[in-house]
Amino acid sequence: MTQKIFDVIEIVESFPAVYIKRLNLLVITDLHLGYETAAAEEGMFIPKIQYKKTIEDLKLIFKKHEGSRFLINGDVKHEFSETGYHEYKEVSNFFKFVKQFSNDITVVKGNHDTFISRITRKFDINLYDKYAEENFLFIHGHKNLNLSKVRQQYIILGHEHPSIALYSELGVKEKIKCFLFGEINSKNLLVLPAFSYFAQGSDVNLIPHDELLSPVLREIDVDSLRAVGIIEREKCLSFPEIGVLRE
């Protein structure tokens, strides 16, 4: 059974991706391509597996929604400073891959997406600070937002990398990526989980409200939001309000 949010946004099987049928639009966020190279430069060496997994997962997602448009809601790349050779190559290869499946690609700039415009121009990819279409607003979520001034009904953001922390009877902790959603100030708010394999995520049922990454979430009652957890390629898990999980 397809898991839907607000009845108009569909979680693509159990991937950190959604499909909006009325826009024929696939949406993901927080790829953080080039993470392994950036980590190595800081003396932390990890296997280069993220790019391969990203491509494999997207092949399955595009297969399910052939001919769809595609939007990345911020943080395509990882390195804050000017894009280095290896990151430039990885991001370029990624866009070459995506171009095989979609002719309409949009990127919303995240806080990590410095200097990305020279790559998006090369591949004729739409680049925005924020993007609105019909009744949907896409923002990365790293900047303040006055919800009362938003005209659109649906607000979709990333940046937070939301996750849920669960504990076994023995006290063993497990972290599960999740979608956060709910009605805030008469608007429907959805926070997407990170697509990045290495993005650990913010345990929204554990961390204090004032320590959330996104200023958008720090300004609202996150405990009133609900969550859908994902065990990738397996299943979705529905949870109650974050406040209930926190207790």
Protein backbone atom coordinates (compact mmCIF):
# COMPACT_ATOMS: atom_id res chain seq x y z
CA MET A 1 0.00 0.00 0.00
CA THR A 2 1.31 3.44 -0.95
CA GLN A 3 2.09 5.67 2.03
CA LYS A 4 0.75 9.19 1.54
CA ILE A 5 1.21 12.44 3.42
CA PHE A 6 -1.61 15.03 3.36
CA ASP A 7 -3.23 12.75 0.71
CA VAL A 8 -1.37 14.55 -2.10
CA ILE A 9 2.27 13.63 -1.42
CA GLU A 10 3.39 10.04 -1.88
CA ILE A 11 6.43 8.46 -0.23
CA VAL A 12 8.23 6.52 -2.97
CA GLU A 13 8.10 3.02 -1.51
CA SER A 14 10.49 3.19 1.47
CA PHE A 15 13.04 5.61 0.03
CA PRO A 16 13.78 9.13 1.35
CA ALA A 17 11.90 10.57 -1.63
CA VAL A 18 8.40 11.80 -2.40
CA TYR A 19 6.29 12.09 -5.53
CA ILE A 20 3.69 14.82 -6.07
CA LYS A 21 1.35 13.52 -8.74
CA ARG A 22 -0.36 16.81 -9.66
CA LEU A 23 3.09 18.30 -10.47
CA ASN A 24 4.54 15.04 -11.84
CA LEU A 25 7.47 15.83 -9.57
CA LEU A 26 9.95 13.66 -7.68
CA VAL A 27 11.58 15.40 -4.70
CA ILE A 28 14.64 14.53 -2.63
CA THR A 29 16.97 16.56 -0.44
CA ASP A 30 20.43 16.57 1.15
CA LEU A 31 22.57 14.40 -1.13
CA HIS A 32 25.86 15.80 0.24
CA LEU A 33 27.86 14.46 -2.70
CA GLY A 34 31.60 14.53 -2.10
CA TYR A 35 31.24 13.77 1.61
CA GLU A 36 33.93 11.09 1.66
CA THR A 37 36.52 13.36 0.00
CA ALA A 38 35.78 16.19 2.43
CA ALA A 39 36.08 13.77 5.35
CA ALA A 40 39.43 12.45 4.06
CA GLU A 41 40.80 15.98 3.89
CA GLU A 42 40.05 16.27 7.61
CA GLY A 43 41.84 12.98 8.38
CA MET A 44 38.74 10.75 8.55
CA PHE A 45 38.88 8.00 5.94
CA ILE A 46 35.62 6.25 5.08
CA PRO A 47 34.71 3.93 2.18
CA LYS A 48 33.56 5.67 -1.01
CA ILE A 49 30.17 4.01 -1.18
CA GLN A 50 27.68 6.89 -1.06
CA TYR A 51 27.69 7.81 -4.76
CA LYS A 52 27.13 4.21 -5.89
CA LYS A 53 24.25 3.76 -3.46
CA THR A 54 22.71 7.09 -4.51
CA ILE A 55 22.72 6.06 -8.17
CA GLU A 56 21.34 2.58 -7.45
CA ASP A 57 18.48 3.97 -5.35
CA LEU A 58 17.59 6.66 -7.88
CA LYS A 59 17.46 4.10 -10.69
CA LEU A 60 14.73 2.27 -8.76
CA ILE A 61 12.92 5.52 -7.97
CA PHE A 62 12.96 6.75 -11.58
CA LYS A 63 11.85 3.31 -12.77
CA LYS A 64 8.73 3.67 -10.63
CA HIS A 65 8.03 7.19 -11.94
CA GLU A 66 9.30 7.28 -15.51
CA GLY A 67 9.21 10.64 -17.24
CA SER A 68 8.76 12.62 -14.04
CA ARG A 69 10.28 15.99 -13.28
CA PHE A 70 12.92 16.10 -10.56
CA LEU A 71 13.67 18.54 -7.74
CA ILE A 72 16.56 18.47 -5.27
CA ASN A 73 15.61 20.56 -2.26
CA GLY A 74 19.09 21.68 -1.26
CA ASP A 75 22.60 20.44 -0.41
CA VAL A 76 23.47 18.61 -3.60
CA LYS A 77 27.13 18.93 -2.59
CA HIS A 78 28.85 18.74 0.78
CA GLU A 79 31.91 20.99 0.88
CA PHE A 80 31.18 24.57 2.02
CA SER A 81 34.17 26.11 0.29
CA GLU A 82 34.75 26.41 -3.45
CA THR A 83 34.03 23.13 -5.19
CA GLY A 84 37.15 21.00 -5.52
CA TYR A 85 38.01 18.80 -8.48
CA HIS A 86 36.70 15.52 -7.03
CA GLU A 87 33.44 17.05 -5.82
CA TYR A 88 32.96 18.87 -9.13
CA LYS A 89 33.45 15.59 -10.98
CA GLU A 90 31.05 13.68 -8.74
CA VAL A 91 28.31 16.32 -8.96
CA SER A 92 28.79 16.55 -12.75
CA ASN A 93 28.55 12.78 -13.13
CA PHE A 94 25.43 12.82 -10.98
CA PHE A 95 23.70 15.39 -13.19
CA LYS A 96 24.72 13.44 -16.31
CA PHE A 97 23.06 10.39 -14.79
CA VAL A 98 19.86 12.22 -13.83
CA LYS A 99 19.60 13.77 -17.30
CA GLN A 100 19.02 10.25 -18.66
CA PHE A 101 15.75 10.06 -16.74
CA SER A 102 14.42 13.61 -16.53
CA ASN A 103 14.52 16.63 -18.84
CA ASP A 104 13.17 18.96 -16.17
CA ILE A 105 15.54 19.25 -13.20
CA THR A 106 15.38 21.90 -10.49
CA VAL A 107 17.79 22.57 -7.64
CA VAL A 108 16.89 24.66 -4.61
CA LYS A 109 20.11 26.02 -3.10
CA GLY A 110 21.06 24.71 0.31
CA ASN A 111 23.65 26.10 2.71
CA HIS A 112 26.27 23.67 1.33
CA ASP A 113 25.61 24.58 -2.31
CA THR A 114 28.27 27.27 -2.66
CA PHE A 115 29.59 27.74 -6.19
CA ILE A 116 27.12 25.16 -7.57
CA SER A 117 25.79 27.58 -10.20
CA ARG A 118 28.71 26.91 -12.55
CA ILE A 119 27.72 23.22 -12.62
CA THR A 120 23.97 23.78 -12.95
CA ARG A 121 24.57 26.24 -15.83
CA LYS A 122 26.68 23.64 -17.62
CA PHE A 123 23.84 21.13 -17.49
CA ASP A 124 20.99 23.61 -18.07
CA ILE A 125 19.49 22.92 -14.65
CA ASN A 126 17.11 25.36 -12.96
CA LEU A 127 18.58 26.89 -9.78
CA TYR A 128 16.57 28.83 -7.18
CA ASP A 129 16.95 30.10 -3.62
CA LYS A 130 13.38 28.88 -3.13
CA TYR A 131 10.87 27.46 -5.57
CA ALA A 132 7.09 27.77 -5.66
CA GLU A 133 4.67 25.99 -7.98
CA GLU A 134 0.88 25.95 -7.67
CA ASN A 135 0.17 25.42 -3.97
CA PHE A 136 3.64 24.09 -3.05
CA LEU A 137 6.68 25.94 -1.68
CA PHE A 138 10.09 24.25 -1.65
CA ILE A 139 12.81 25.68 0.59
CA HIS A 140 15.94 24.08 1.97
CA GLY A 141 15.17 25.19 5.51
CA HIS A 142 18.44 26.79 6.65
CA LYS A 143 16.98 30.32 6.63
CA ASN A 144 14.22 31.94 8.66
CA LEU A 145 10.72 31.79 7.21
CA ASN A 146 7.67 33.79 8.23
CA LEU A 147 4.92 31.20 7.85
CA SER A 148 2.20 33.83 8.05
CA LYS A 149 3.46 35.38 4.81
CA VAL A 150 3.60 32.13 2.83
CA ARG A 151 0.79 31.96 0.26
CA GLN A 152 1.18 28.28 -0.59
CA GLN A 153 -0.59 25.58 1.42
CA TYR A 154 2.23 23.03 1.35
CA ILE A 155 5.74 23.84 2.59
CA ILE A 156 8.44 21.24 1.93
CA LEU A 157 11.92 21.52 3.39
CA GLY A 158 15.09 19.57 4.13
CA HIS A 159 18.22 20.58 6.07
CA GLU A 160 17.24 18.97 9.38
CA HIS A 161 17.94 15.35 8.34
CA PRO A 162 15.17 14.18 10.70
CA SER A 163 15.37 10.80 12.39
CA ILE A 164 13.69 8.95 15.24
CA ALA A 165 15.65 7.27 18.04
CA LEU A 166 14.22 3.97 19.27
CA TYR A 167 15.48 1.85 22.15
CA SER A 168 15.25 -1.90 22.71
CA GLU A 169 14.48 -3.42 26.10
CA LEU A 170 18.24 -3.75 26.59
CA GLY A 171 18.75 -0.06 25.94
CA VAL A 172 20.23 -0.50 22.47
CA LYS A 173 19.57 2.60 20.38
CA GLU A 174 18.49 2.46 16.75
CA LYS A 175 18.23 5.52 14.53
CA ILE A 176 15.58 5.57 11.79
CA LYS A 177 15.32 8.26 9.12
CA CYS A 178 11.88 9.81 9.02
CA PHE A 179 9.53 12.23 7.33
CA LEU A 180 8.11 14.88 9.68
CA PHE A 181 4.75 16.42 8.87
CA GLY A 182 1.81 18.27 10.33
CA GLU A 183 -0.36 21.36 10.23
CA ILE A 184 1.29 24.53 11.50
CA ASN A 185 -0.47 27.90 11.36
CA SER A 186 -2.99 26.49 8.86
CA LYS A 187 -0.13 25.35 6.59
CA ASN A 188 0.88 21.77 5.80
CA LEU A 189 4.56 21.37 6.65
CA LEU A 190 6.70 18.44 5.48
CA VAL A 191 10.36 17.86 6.39
CA LEU A 192 12.16 15.35 4.18
CA PRO A 193 14.83 12.94 5.43
CA ALA A 194 18.30 13.22 3.93
CA PHE A 195 19.03 11.15 0.84
CA SER A 196 22.70 10.99 1.83
CA TYR A 197 23.87 7.61 3.09
CA PHE A 198 26.15 9.24 5.64
CA ALA A 199 23.74 11.86 7.00
CA GLN A 200 23.22 10.68 10.56
CA GLY A 201 20.19 12.84 11.19
CA SER A 202 18.73 14.78 14.11
CA ASP A 203 16.89 12.58 16.62
CA VAL A 204 13.89 14.86 16.83
CA ASN A 205 12.34 12.92 19.72
CA LEU A 206 15.47 13.38 21.86
CA ILE A 207 17.23 16.66 21.15
CA PRO A 208 16.02 19.88 22.81
CA HIS A 209 13.82 22.15 20.72
CA ASP A 210 16.38 24.97 20.65
CA GLU A 211 19.08 22.65 19.29
CA LEU A 212 17.26 21.78 16.06
CA LEU A 213 19.23 22.66 12.92
CA SER A 214 16.51 24.46 11.00
CA PRO A 215 15.42 27.92 12.19
CA VAL A 216 12.03 27.12 10.65
CA LEU A 217 11.56 24.20 13.06
CA ARG A 218 12.92 26.10 16.04
CA GLU A 219 10.04 28.58 15.59
CA ILE A 220 7.23 25.98 15.70
CA ASP A 221 5.93 23.25 18.00
CA VAL A 222 7.83 20.28 16.57
CA ASP A 223 6.29 17.98 19.20
CA SER A 224 2.93 18.38 17.42
CA LEU A 225 4.33 16.92 14.19
CA ARG A 226 3.96 13.27 13.27
CA ALA A 227 6.58 11.00 11.73
CA VAL A 228 6.83 8.25 9.16
CA GLY A 229 10.03 6.28 9.55
CA ILE A 230 11.67 4.42 6.69
CA ILE A 231 13.64 1.21 6.64
CA GLU A 232 15.04 1.64 3.15
CA ARG A 233 13.91 -0.87 0.51
CA GLU A 234 11.77 -2.60 3.15
CA LYS A 235 8.92 -0.64 4.72
CA CYS A 236 7.55 2.55 6.20
CA LEU A 237 6.69 2.86 9.89
CA SER A 238 3.98 5.24 11.10
CA PHE A 239 4.58 6.98 14.42
CA PRO A 240 2.43 9.27 16.61
CA GLU A 241 3.30 12.88 17.46
CA ILE A 242 6.90 13.64 18.37
CA GLY A 243 5.76 14.79 21.82
CA VAL A 244 4.37 11.32 22.51
CA LEU A 245 7.61 9.70 21.35
CA ARG A 246 9.63 12.12 23.48
CA GLU A 247 7.69 11.04 26.60
